[in-house]
Protein backbone atom coordinates (compact mmCIF):
# COMPACT_ATOMS: atom_id res chain seq x y z
CA MET A 1 0.00 0.00 0.00
CA THR A 2 1.41 3.37 -0.96
CA SER A 3 0.09 6.67 0.26
CA SER A 4 1.26 9.93 1.70
CA THR A 5 0.94 10.15 5.46
CA THR A 6 1.10 13.94 5.77
CA SER A 7 -2.60 14.74 5.95
CA ASN A 8 -3.35 11.59 7.96
CA GLN A 9 -0.90 12.45 10.75
CA GLY A 10 -2.87 12.86 13.96
CA SER A 11 -6.24 12.14 12.32
CA SER A 12 -8.41 9.70 14.23
CA TYR A 13 -10.21 6.53 13.18
CA TRP A 14 -12.96 4.23 14.45
CA VAL A 15 -13.49 0.71 13.09
CA GLU A 16 -16.83 -1.00 13.71
CA THR A 17 -16.64 -4.75 13.09
CA LEU A 18 -19.64 -6.95 12.35
CA GLY A 19 -19.91 -10.66 11.63
CA CYS A 20 -17.53 -13.51 12.26
CA PRO A 21 -14.03 -13.77 13.76
CA LYS A 22 -12.55 -13.67 10.26
CA ASN A 23 -13.88 -10.12 9.94
CA GLN A 24 -12.22 -9.20 13.23
CA VAL A 25 -8.88 -10.29 11.80
CA ASP A 26 -9.47 -8.12 8.74
CA SER A 27 -10.29 -5.17 11.00
CA ASP A 28 -7.11 -5.68 13.01
CA LYS A 29 -5.11 -5.54 9.80
CA LEU A 30 -6.96 -2.43 8.66
CA VAL A 31 -6.10 -0.82 12.00
CA GLY A 32 -2.46 -1.71 11.37
CA THR A 33 -2.48 0.17 8.06
CA LEU A 34 -4.26 3.19 9.55
CA VAL A 35 -1.77 3.42 12.41
CA ALA A 36 1.09 3.06 9.95
CA ASP A 37 -0.38 6.03 8.05
CA GLY A 38 -0.13 8.15 11.19
CA MET A 39 -3.70 7.86 12.44
CA VAL A 40 -4.73 7.37 16.06
CA ALA A 41 -7.70 5.57 17.58
CA ALA A 42 -10.70 7.73 18.47
CA THR A 43 -12.53 7.30 21.77
CA SER A 44 -15.84 6.92 19.93
CA ALA A 45 -17.26 6.81 16.42
CA GLU A 46 -18.82 10.23 16.97
CA GLU A 47 -15.41 11.82 17.49
CA ALA A 48 -13.48 10.08 14.67
CA ASP A 49 -12.24 11.70 11.47
CA LEU A 50 -12.60 8.36 9.69
CA VAL A 51 -15.33 5.83 10.53
CA VAL A 52 -14.96 2.38 8.96
CA VAL A 53 -17.72 -0.24 9.04
CA ASN A 54 -16.45 -3.75 8.33
CA THR A 55 -19.67 -5.45 7.25
CA CYS A 56 -21.05 -8.98 7.12
CA ALA A 57 -23.27 -10.31 4.33
CA PHE A 58 -23.51 -14.02 5.16
CA VAL A 59 -27.26 -14.12 5.78
CA ASP A 60 -30.16 -11.67 5.55
CA GLU A 61 -30.08 -10.90 9.28
CA ALA A 62 -26.38 -9.99 9.05
CA ARG A 63 -27.00 -7.73 6.05
CA LYS A 64 -29.76 -5.91 7.90
CA GLU A 65 -27.50 -5.41 10.92
CA SER A 66 -24.75 -4.06 8.67
CA ILE A 67 -27.07 -1.57 6.97
CA ASP A 68 -28.60 -0.46 10.27
CA THR A 69 -25.12 0.11 11.68
CA ILE A 70 -24.06 2.13 8.65
CA LEU A 71 -27.18 4.32 8.90
CA THR A 72 -26.74 4.86 12.65
CA LEU A 73 -23.06 5.76 12.40
CA GLY A 74 -23.77 7.97 9.40
CA GLU A 75 -26.40 9.86 11.34
CA ASN A 76 -24.30 10.29 14.49
CA ARG A 77 -20.85 11.03 13.05
CA ARG A 78 -19.46 14.48 13.43
CA GLU A 79 -19.53 17.02 10.62
CA GLY A 80 -16.58 16.72 8.26
CA SER A 81 -15.76 13.10 9.05
CA GLU A 82 -15.72 10.33 6.45
CA LEU A 83 -17.68 7.09 6.54
CA VAL A 84 -16.20 4.11 4.68
CA VAL A 85 -17.99 0.79 4.19
CA THR A 86 -15.84 -2.28 3.62
CA GLY A 87 -16.08 -6.02 4.19
CA CYS A 88 -18.40 -8.63 2.70
CA LEU A 89 -21.31 -6.29 1.98
CA ALA A 90 -19.04 -3.94 0.04
CA GLU A 91 -17.44 -6.80 -1.87
CA ARG A 92 -20.72 -8.49 -2.73
CA TYR A 93 -22.76 -5.46 -3.78
CA GLY A 94 -20.13 -2.86 -4.68
CA ASP A 95 -21.51 -0.01 -6.81
CA ASP A 96 -25.12 -0.97 -6.04
CA LEU A 97 -24.39 -0.53 -2.34
CA ALA A 98 -22.75 2.84 -2.92
CA GLU A 99 -25.82 4.01 -4.83
CA ALA A 100 -28.24 2.68 -2.21
CA LEU A 101 -26.33 4.16 0.75
CA PRO A 102 -25.48 7.81 0.08
CA GLU A 103 -24.68 8.05 3.81
CA ALA A 104 -21.36 6.35 3.01
CA ASP A 105 -18.61 8.49 1.50
CA HIS A 106 -16.82 5.46 0.09
CA VAL A 107 -17.50 1.76 -0.48
CA ALA A 108 -14.19 -0.12 -0.40
CA PRO A 109 -14.20 -3.83 -1.36
CA PHE A 110 -11.42 -6.17 -0.26
CA GLY A 111 -7.99 -5.06 -1.33
CA VAL A 112 -8.89 -1.37 -1.66
CA PRO A 113 -7.02 0.93 0.75
CA VAL A 114 -9.17 2.40 3.51
CA THR A 115 -7.85 5.90 4.21
CA LEU A 116 -9.00 9.48 4.38
CA SER A 117 -9.83 10.62 0.85
CA ALA A 118 -7.01 13.15 0.80
CA THR A 119 -4.50 10.29 0.64
CA ARG A 120 -6.67 7.63 -1.01
CA SER A 121 -4.63 5.46 -3.33
CA SER A 122 -5.83 3.36 -6.25
CA ASN A 123 -3.19 0.72 -5.49
CA SER A 124 -4.57 -2.54 -4.16
CA PHE A 125 -3.09 -4.56 -1.32
CA ASP A 126 -3.36 -8.07 0.07
CA LEU A 127 -5.44 -7.85 3.23
CA LEU A 128 -4.83 -11.51 4.09
CA ASN A 129 -1.10 -11.02 4.55
CA LEU A 130 -0.98 -7.52 6.01
CA PRO A 131 0.77 -7.14 9.38
CA ARG A 132 -1.33 -6.37 12.43
CA PRO A 133 -0.76 -4.88 15.88
CA LYS A 134 0.14 -6.86 18.97
CA ALA A 135 -2.91 -8.48 20.57
CA THR A 136 -4.71 -6.31 23.12
CA ALA A 137 -6.30 -9.36 24.79
CA PRO A 138 -4.63 -12.57 26.00
CA TRP A 139 -6.05 -14.32 22.92
CA ALA A 140 -6.19 -13.53 19.20
CA TYR A 141 -7.80 -14.85 16.02
CA VAL A 142 -5.46 -15.74 13.17
CA LYS A 143 -6.91 -16.22 9.69
CA VAL A 144 -4.94 -18.91 7.85
CA ALA A 145 -6.75 -18.85 4.49
CA GLU A 146 -9.25 -16.88 2.48
CA GLY A 147 -12.08 -18.16 0.29
CA CYS A 148 -13.59 -21.62 -0.10
CA ASP A 149 -13.62 -24.36 -2.74
CA ARG A 150 -16.84 -26.02 -1.58
CA ALA A 151 -20.24 -25.54 -3.22
CA CYS A 152 -22.70 -25.74 -0.32
CA GLY A 153 -26.18 -24.99 -1.62
CA PHE A 154 -26.92 -22.16 0.79
CA CYS A 155 -23.59 -20.30 0.85
CA ALA A 156 -22.58 -17.34 -1.31
CA ILE A 157 -19.12 -16.88 0.23
CA PRO A 158 -17.19 -18.44 -2.70
CA THR A 159 -18.85 -15.95 -5.07
CA PHE A 160 -17.27 -12.94 -3.37
CA ARG A 161 -14.41 -14.38 -1.30
CA GLY A 162 -13.22 -16.55 -4.17
CA LYS A 163 -11.41 -19.89 -4.21
CA GLN A 164 -9.43 -21.02 -1.19
CA ARG A 165 -6.12 -19.23 -0.87
CA SER A 166 -3.97 -20.52 1.97
CA ARG A 167 -1.23 -18.44 3.54
CA SER A 168 2.29 -19.78 3.92
CA VAL A 169 3.09 -21.41 7.25
CA ALA A 170 5.98 -18.96 7.68
CA ASP A 171 3.67 -15.94 7.36
CA ILE A 172 1.20 -17.41 9.84
CA LEU A 173 3.90 -18.20 12.39
CA GLY A 174 5.33 -14.72 11.98
CA GLU A 175 1.93 -13.25 12.78
CA VAL A 176 1.54 -15.55 15.80
CA GLU A 177 4.87 -14.37 17.19
CA GLN A 178 3.98 -10.74 16.56
CA LEU A 179 0.65 -11.04 18.40
CA GLU A 180 2.28 -12.41 21.59
CA ALA A 181 -1.05 -13.93 22.67
CA LYS A 182 -1.46 -16.75 25.17
CA GLU A 183 -4.17 -18.35 23.03
CA ILE A 184 -4.31 -18.42 19.23
CA VAL A 185 -7.64 -19.18 17.56
CA LEU A 186 -7.15 -20.39 14.00
CA VAL A 187 -9.98 -19.46 11.61
CA ALA A 188 -10.82 -19.88 7.92
CA GLN A 189 -13.87 -20.62 5.79
CA ASP A 190 -12.66 -24.24 5.49
CA LEU A 191 -9.98 -24.59 8.12
CA ALA A 192 -9.22 -28.30 7.81
CA SER A 193 -8.47 -27.84 4.09
CA PHE A 194 -5.60 -25.48 4.84
CA GLY A 195 -2.73 -25.95 2.40
CA ARG A 196 -4.58 -28.13 -0.10
CA ASP A 197 -4.46 -25.33 -2.67
CA GLN A 198 -0.69 -24.87 -2.48
CA GLY A 199 0.26 -27.57 -4.96
CA GLN A 200 1.24 -30.26 -2.47
CA GLY A 201 -2.03 -32.17 -2.91
CA GLU A 202 -2.40 -32.66 0.83
CA ARG A 203 -3.88 -30.65 3.65
CA GLN A 204 -1.32 -29.07 5.97
CA ILE A 205 -3.55 -28.31 8.96
CA VAL A 206 -1.90 -30.85 11.27
CA PRO A 207 1.67 -29.56 10.76
CA LEU A 208 0.35 -26.02 11.12
CA ILE A 209 -1.32 -26.77 14.47
CA LYS A 210 1.84 -28.38 15.78
CA SER A 211 3.96 -25.42 14.69
CA VAL A 212 1.61 -22.85 16.24
CA ALA A 213 1.46 -24.88 19.46
CA GLU A 214 5.23 -24.43 19.85
CA LEU A 215 4.75 -20.64 19.95
CA THR A 216 1.74 -20.24 22.21
CA ASP A 217 0.06 -21.93 25.17
CA TRP A 218 -3.35 -22.75 23.69
CA VAL A 219 -4.39 -23.38 20.09
CA ARG A 220 -8.09 -23.46 19.24
CA LEU A 221 -9.70 -24.27 15.88
CA LEU A 222 -12.96 -22.82 14.58
CA TYR A 223 -15.02 -24.19 11.67
CA LEU A 224 -14.12 -27.78 10.84
CA TYR A 225 -15.88 -29.58 7.99
CA PRO A 226 -16.93 -32.98 9.45
CA SER A 227 -15.61 -35.15 6.60
CA ASP A 228 -12.11 -33.75 7.21
CA LEU A 229 -12.05 -34.70 10.88
CA THR A 230 -9.46 -37.46 10.60
CA ASP A 231 -8.03 -39.46 13.49
CA GLU A 232 -4.73 -37.64 13.04
CA LEU A 233 -6.44 -34.26 13.28
CA ILE A 234 -8.43 -35.32 16.34
CA ASP A 235 -5.27 -36.54 18.10
CA THR A 236 -3.46 -33.31 17.22
CA ILE A 237 -6.29 -31.14 18.56
CA CYS A 238 -6.41 -33.10 21.80
CA SER A 239 -2.63 -32.82 22.21
CA THR A 240 -2.87 -29.00 22.36
CA GLU A 241 -4.74 -29.13 25.72
CA VAL A 242 -7.73 -27.53 23.98
CA PRO A 243 -9.96 -30.46 22.96
CA TYR A 244 -12.55 -28.13 21.46
CA PHE A 245 -14.34 -29.24 18.29
CA ASP A 246 -16.28 -26.65 16.32
CA LEU A 247 -17.96 -28.78 13.66
CA SER A 248 -19.77 -27.28 10.68
CA LEU A 249 -22.73 -29.70 10.50
CA GLN A 250 -25.65 -27.49 9.26
CA HIS A 251 -28.23 -30.33 9.42
CA VAL A 252 -28.51 -34.08 9.91
CA SER A 253 -31.36 -35.35 7.71
CA PRO A 254 -29.92 -37.27 4.71
CA PRO A 255 -32.46 -35.97 2.13
CA LEU A 256 -31.96 -32.38 3.25
CA MET A 257 -28.18 -32.76 3.41
CA ARG A 258 -28.22 -33.80 -0.25
CA ARG A 259 -30.28 -30.71 -1.12
CA MET A 260 -27.74 -28.66 0.83
CA ARG A 261 -24.91 -30.28 -1.16
CA ARG A 262 -23.32 -31.31 2.10
CA TRP A 263 -21.60 -34.45 3.34
CA GLY A 264 -22.83 -36.60 6.22
CA ASN A 265 -25.88 -37.37 8.32
CA GLY A 266 -26.90 -37.53 11.96
CA GLU A 267 -25.84 -41.13 12.47
CA LEU A 268 -22.32 -40.48 11.19
CA PHE A 269 -22.02 -37.31 13.26
CA GLU A 270 -23.18 -39.05 16.45
CA GLU A 271 -20.69 -41.88 15.95
CA ARG A 272 -17.82 -39.43 15.44
CA ILE A 273 -18.71 -37.35 18.49
CA LYS A 274 -19.05 -40.48 20.63
CA ALA A 275 -15.66 -41.75 19.47
CA ILE A 276 -13.99 -38.42 20.31
CA ARG A 277 -15.56 -38.39 23.78
CA GLN A 278 -14.29 -41.91 24.41
CA ARG A 279 -10.82 -40.75 23.42
CA GLU A 280 -11.03 -37.45 25.32
CA PRO A 281 -13.82 -37.26 27.95
CA ASP A 282 -13.24 -33.52 28.48
CA ALA A 283 -13.80 -32.67 24.80
CA ALA A 284 -16.20 -29.80 24.15
CA PHE A 285 -18.35 -29.54 21.02
CA ARG A 286 -19.95 -26.66 19.16
CA SER A 287 -21.97 -26.62 15.95
CA ASN A 288 -24.46 -24.55 13.97
CA PHE A 289 -27.57 -25.58 12.09
CA ILE A 290 -29.75 -24.01 9.42
CA VAL A 291 -33.49 -24.17 10.05
CA GLY A 292 -36.03 -23.82 7.26
CA TYR A 293 -33.84 -24.75 4.29
CA PRO A 294 -36.03 -25.23 1.18
CA GLY A 295 -37.76 -28.59 1.35
CA GLU A 296 -37.27 -29.09 5.10
CA THR A 297 -40.12 -31.36 6.22
CA GLU A 298 -41.44 -32.22 9.64
CA ALA A 299 -39.49 -35.48 9.38
CA ASP A 300 -36.28 -33.53 8.69
CA HIS A 301 -36.95 -31.26 11.65
CA ASP A 302 -37.70 -34.23 13.90
CA ALA A 303 -34.38 -35.80 12.86
CA LEU A 304 -32.57 -32.64 13.92
CA ILE A 305 -34.44 -32.56 17.24
CA ARG A 306 -33.41 -36.17 17.94
CA PHE A 307 -29.81 -35.44 17.04
CA VAL A 308 -29.62 -32.39 19.32
CA GLU A 309 -31.07 -34.42 22.17
CA ASN A 310 -28.76 -37.39 21.58
CA ALA A 311 -25.54 -35.54 20.80
CA GLN A 312 -25.64 -33.31 23.90
CA LEU A 313 -23.39 -30.67 22.34
CA ASP A 314 -21.96 -28.10 24.71
CA TRP A 315 -22.74 -25.17 22.43
CA CYS A 316 -25.05 -24.85 19.49
CA GLY A 317 -26.38 -22.08 17.24
CA PHE A 318 -29.52 -22.21 15.09
CA PHE A 319 -30.13 -19.84 12.22
CA SER A 320 -33.09 -19.35 9.93
CA TYR A 321 -32.44 -19.94 6.25
CA SER A 322 -32.29 -16.85 4.05
CA VAL A 323 -32.27 -16.77 0.26
CA GLU A 324 -28.80 -15.89 -1.04
CA GLU A 325 -28.66 -14.62 -4.59
CA GLY A 326 -26.51 -16.75 -6.88
CA THR A 327 -26.61 -19.89 -4.73
CA TYR A 328 -27.99 -23.29 -5.70
CA ALA A 329 -30.67 -23.10 -2.99
CA ALA A 330 -32.04 -19.80 -4.28
CA ASP A 331 -33.86 -21.67 -7.07
CA LEU A 332 -35.09 -24.62 -5.02
CA ASP A 333 -38.76 -25.23 -4.38
CA GLY A 334 -40.27 -26.08 -1.00
CA ALA A 335 -39.91 -22.74 0.77
CA VAL A 336 -40.68 -23.00 4.50
CA ALA A 337 -43.11 -20.42 5.89
CA GLU A 338 -41.47 -17.87 8.18
CA SER A 339 -43.91 -18.64 10.99
CA LEU A 340 -43.05 -22.35 10.85
CA MET A 341 -39.34 -21.55 10.65
CA ASN A 342 -39.58 -19.42 13.79
CA GLU A 343 -41.51 -22.16 15.58
CA ARG A 344 -38.82 -24.70 14.77
CA LEU A 345 -36.08 -22.29 15.79
CA GLY A 346 -37.75 -21.70 19.15
CA GLU A 347 -38.10 -25.41 19.83
CA LEU A 348 -34.46 -26.12 19.03
CA ARG A 349 -33.08 -23.16 20.95
CA GLU A 350 -35.09 -24.00 24.05
CA MET A 351 -33.85 -27.58 23.95
CA GLN A 352 -30.22 -26.57 23.47
CA ASP A 353 -30.35 -23.95 26.24
CA SER A 354 -31.42 -26.71 28.61
CA ILE A 355 -28.68 -29.06 27.37
CA THR A 356 -26.00 -26.38 27.71
CA ALA A 357 -27.15 -25.52 31.24
CA SER A 358 -27.15 -29.20 32.23
CA ARG A 359 -23.66 -29.76 30.89
CA ARG A 360 -22.45 -26.70 32.77
CA ASP A 361 -24.06 -27.98 35.97
CA LEU A 362 -21.94 -31.13 35.70
CA LEU A 363 -18.79 -29.03 36.07
CA VAL A 364 -19.67 -27.65 39.50
CA GLY A 365 -17.14 -28.87 42.04
CA SER A 366 -14.46 -29.66 39.48
CA SER A 367 -11.05 -28.06 39.12
CA THR A 368 -10.11 -26.56 35.79
CA LYS A 369 -7.41 -24.47 34.13
CA VAL A 370 -8.51 -21.05 32.95
CA LEU A 371 -7.04 -18.10 31.09
CA VAL A 372 -7.98 -14.73 32.61
CA ASP A 373 -9.20 -12.51 29.75
CA GLU A 374 -10.04 -9.41 31.80
CA PRO A 375 -10.65 -8.60 35.45
CA GLY A 376 -13.21 -11.08 36.77
CA ILE A 377 -13.61 -12.89 33.43
CA ALA A 378 -11.84 -16.09 32.39
CA ARG A 379 -12.29 -19.07 30.08
CA SER A 380 -11.33 -22.71 30.16
CA ALA A 381 -10.56 -24.88 27.15
CA ARG A 382 -14.32 -25.48 26.84
CA GLU A 383 -15.16 -21.88 25.95
CA ALA A 384 -14.16 -20.07 22.76
CA PRO A 385 -13.71 -16.31 23.15
CA GLU A 386 -16.68 -14.07 22.29
CA ILE A 387 -18.81 -17.07 21.32
CA ASP A 388 -19.43 -19.30 24.33
CA GLY A 389 -20.04 -18.75 28.02
CA ILE A 390 -17.48 -17.46 30.50
CA VAL A 391 -16.02 -18.36 33.87
CA GLU A 392 -16.45 -15.63 36.49
CA VAL A 393 -13.38 -15.44 38.73
CA PRO A 394 -12.16 -13.12 41.52
CA THR A 395 -11.35 -9.68 40.10
CA ASP A 396 -7.87 -9.64 41.64
CA LEU A 397 -6.61 -12.47 39.42
CA GLU A 398 -4.02 -11.21 36.95
CA VAL A 399 -5.15 -10.76 33.35
CA GLY A 400 -3.27 -12.95 30.88
CA GLU A 401 -2.37 -15.62 33.42
CA PHE A 402 -3.31 -19.31 33.44
CA LEU A 403 -4.67 -20.47 36.79
CA ASN A 404 -6.32 -23.53 38.26
CA VAL A 405 -9.70 -22.71 39.77
CA THR A 406 -12.58 -24.61 41.33
CA ILE A 407 -16.03 -24.28 39.73
CA THR A 408 -18.45 -23.28 42.48
CA ALA A 409 -21.69 -22.58 40.60
CA SER A 410 -23.31 -22.45 37.17
CA ASN A 411 -25.71 -19.92 35.71
CA GLY A 412 -27.02 -21.05 32.33
CA PRO A 413 -24.02 -20.86 29.96
CA ASP A 414 -21.72 -19.23 32.54
CA LEU A 415 -19.76 -20.60 35.47
CA GLU A 416 -18.48 -19.15 38.74
CA ALA A 417 -15.12 -20.14 40.18
CA SER A 418 -12.84 -19.42 43.11
């Protein structure tokens, strides 16, 4: 990225991040470029010279949140400031978004410099491999690849993020060292396929995990496609002291899985989860499911209910299906009424809330190792940052330290410890 820093010197910025952890990594790298250009962080969006909204466009609900945020920040920003929209919404809709949102001064897709207009450059840059500041928390996300080679029926990500593009192991390890975090959370659209696109013909996720584990205390993986969960990968994950399995399942009914263009079914998933628990009794599991995919019948929904009850996952998210332009599912018949979709969502969420609370109750009285994220707030290997519950600890425990605590109580998804 090339630009003059003269007019940026001392100007302030605010970056508002929406969506998934991968977006947070992108925002961190944007912050790195803004600081390098001489800008300083503002105390609020209302006081910033430059306001950046890093948007999400994965589902309809995320798009609405992104647009609402843009409108709110546009209305409340101070006179003379600039509002820039970047991220997935900008990449996916580009000029149409700029025309529909006159509140934004600029719409900057991936690879377009985000700066004050006085120094705006037409040169592109590689956001994936940009440096980023040292972690401000004891943990940090690290994106190891961009894009996805799969063709899931509901997902538009490959259309605007492109084919999978893995980073080099050396670049990733350099970023890990620079962050100086106690826990590194590896993320990608298709994490277990890391390295497959680099001409070696084989995935390199296992060597990567082992290399990262030599540089930090905890390594956590988010978003694993179930067919790629090999015995070698399972053993490697368990060896990091963070036996946390975030499995991208999406549904369990065989007919619906075929319509989703996905691999697997509930029986296979249950067998795999059971085998992992036999190998590592302390393993924690998270997954997400789409409710109301075109053609979802009562029998499909009942299959998902049975799976949720049988699998007893620690954490689970349920999301209503939304039509994504350009995807295979957009042209499928069998649309599910919104009222029925909401009814199914409510049933599943209520069941999972009870399961999560019960599994947390089982931990009361046990001793566990935690990482203190901030005063009074910690996490064990069972909780991913910003996603799962927390462990409340005494406020005098030092932030960034690993400590052994005793779980004294549970409160829904959260625990208390002393």
